[in-house]
Amino acid sequence: MSYTYHDLKGKTVAELREIAKGIDDEAVKGYTQLNKDHLLVALCQALKIPAHEHHAAGGYDKPAIKAKMRALRQKRAEAIEAGDRTALKALRRQIHALNHDIRRHTATV
């Protein structure tokens, strides 16, 4: 049976050890002594699957947001040189809000 990192992470230590029992690989040697975190990494290595969760951005235009952030950073640099503190604060808030939008729209797959 093929597993993903997300599938394995949702299993209990006993279930992970049961899976490791059927695998003959150096990575899972001593699986009965491993805790869940170490066993999860060992199983991923033995099964040759990525040992991390993938993030997928969907439902919005990330490159457009990044382009807008680059433009705002340029304006921010100009505001710093000019010493305009009120414009600088407003630009920082806009950049922060766009960063927050990117993080919010990124979902774990």
Protein backbone atom coordinates (compact mmCIF):
# COMPACT_ATOMS: atom_id res chain seq x y z
CA MET A 1 0.00 0.00 0.00
CA SER A 2 1.30 3.49 -0.80
CA TYR A 3 1.25 6.12 1.92
CA THR A 4 1.69 9.85 2.01
CA TYR A 5 3.30 11.85 4.78
CA HIS A 6 -0.12 13.14 5.80
CA ASP A 7 -1.50 9.57 6.03
CA LEU A 8 1.40 8.42 8.19
CA LYS A 9 1.27 11.47 10.44
CA GLY A 10 -2.38 10.72 11.25
CA LYS A 11 -1.61 7.19 12.47
CA THR A 12 -0.76 6.15 16.01
CA VAL A 13 2.66 4.88 17.06
CA ALA A 14 1.31 1.33 17.20
CA GLU A 15 0.01 1.59 13.64
CA LEU A 16 3.32 3.04 12.44
CA ARG A 17 5.21 0.20 14.13
CA GLU A 18 2.91 -2.31 12.42
CA ILE A 19 3.75 -0.74 9.06
CA ALA A 20 7.47 -0.75 9.91
CA LYS A 21 7.29 -4.42 10.81
CA GLY A 22 6.61 -5.29 7.17
CA ILE A 23 9.47 -3.19 5.78
CA ASP A 24 12.96 -4.62 5.44
CA ASP A 25 15.06 -1.45 5.31
CA GLU A 26 18.00 -0.15 7.32
CA ALA A 27 16.11 3.09 8.05
CA VAL A 28 13.46 1.35 10.18
CA LYS A 29 15.85 -0.93 12.01
CA GLY A 30 14.99 -0.80 15.72
CA TYR A 31 11.50 0.56 15.00
CA THR A 32 10.17 -0.77 18.31
CA GLN A 33 12.38 1.68 20.20
CA LEU A 34 11.54 4.78 18.14
CA ASN A 35 9.05 7.43 19.16
CA LYS A 36 6.48 8.71 16.67
CA ASP A 37 8.56 11.61 15.32
CA HIS A 38 11.63 9.48 14.66
CA LEU A 39 9.58 6.57 13.33
CA LEU A 40 7.73 8.87 10.95
CA VAL A 41 11.00 10.15 9.47
CA ALA A 42 12.40 6.61 9.23
CA LEU A 43 9.28 5.33 7.46
CA CYS A 44 9.34 8.22 5.00
CA GLN A 45 12.97 7.46 4.24
CA ALA A 46 12.31 3.73 3.83
CA LEU A 47 9.22 4.27 1.66
CA LYS A 48 10.96 7.04 -0.30
CA ILE A 49 8.28 9.64 0.24
CA PRO A 50 8.91 13.32 1.09
CA ALA A 51 9.07 13.83 4.86
CA HIS A 52 7.10 17.08 4.88
CA GLU A 53 3.68 18.39 4.04
CA HIS A 54 3.15 20.19 0.76
CA HIS A 55 1.45 23.54 0.66
CA ALA A 56 -0.66 24.52 -2.28
CA ALA A 57 -1.94 27.96 -2.98
CA GLY A 58 -5.32 28.08 -4.61
CA GLY A 59 -8.12 30.44 -5.40
CA TYR A 60 -6.07 33.62 -5.78
CA ASP A 61 -3.27 35.07 -7.89
CA LYS A 62 -0.10 34.78 -5.82
CA PRO A 63 2.25 36.24 -8.48
CA ALA A 64 0.08 39.37 -8.70
CA ILE A 65 0.17 39.79 -4.93
CA LYS A 66 3.96 39.31 -4.92
CA ALA A 67 4.31 41.95 -7.67
CA LYS A 68 2.20 44.36 -5.64
CA MET A 69 4.40 43.68 -2.59
CA ARG A 70 7.55 44.44 -4.61
CA ALA A 71 6.08 47.78 -5.69
CA LEU A 72 5.13 48.59 -2.11
CA ARG A 73 8.64 47.74 -0.91
CA GLN A 74 10.06 50.15 -3.49
CA LYS A 75 7.72 52.87 -2.22
CA ARG A 76 8.71 51.97 1.33
CA ALA A 77 12.39 52.50 0.48
CA GLU A 78 11.53 55.89 -1.01
CA ALA A 79 9.54 56.83 2.10
CA ILE A 80 12.49 55.87 4.30
CA GLU A 81 14.82 58.09 2.27
CA ALA A 82 12.32 60.96 2.37
CA GLY A 83 11.73 60.51 6.12
CA ASP A 84 7.94 60.34 5.67
CA ARG A 85 6.89 58.39 8.74
CA THR A 86 3.13 58.41 8.07
CA ALA A 87 3.54 57.04 4.54
CA LEU A 88 6.06 54.51 5.85
CA LYS A 89 3.60 53.24 8.43
CA ALA A 90 0.80 52.93 5.87
CA LEU A 91 3.07 51.05 3.44
CA ARG A 92 4.24 48.65 6.14
CA ARG A 93 0.62 47.89 7.06
CA GLN A 94 -0.23 47.17 3.41
CA ILE A 95 2.76 44.85 3.02
CA HIS A 96 1.81 43.08 6.24
CA ALA A 97 -1.78 42.61 5.06
CA LEU A 98 -0.65 41.14 1.73
CA ASN A 99 1.74 38.77 3.53
CA HIS A 100 -1.13 37.71 5.76
CA ASP A 101 -3.32 37.04 2.71
CA ILE A 102 -0.67 34.78 1.19
CA ARG A 103 -0.34 32.78 4.40
CA ARG A 104 -4.08 32.51 4.83
CA HIS A 105 -4.64 31.21 1.30
CA THR A 106 -1.88 28.62 1.54
CA ALA A 107 -3.52 25.33 2.48
CA THR A 108 -1.87 22.10 3.58
CA VAL A 109 -2.39 19.35 1.06
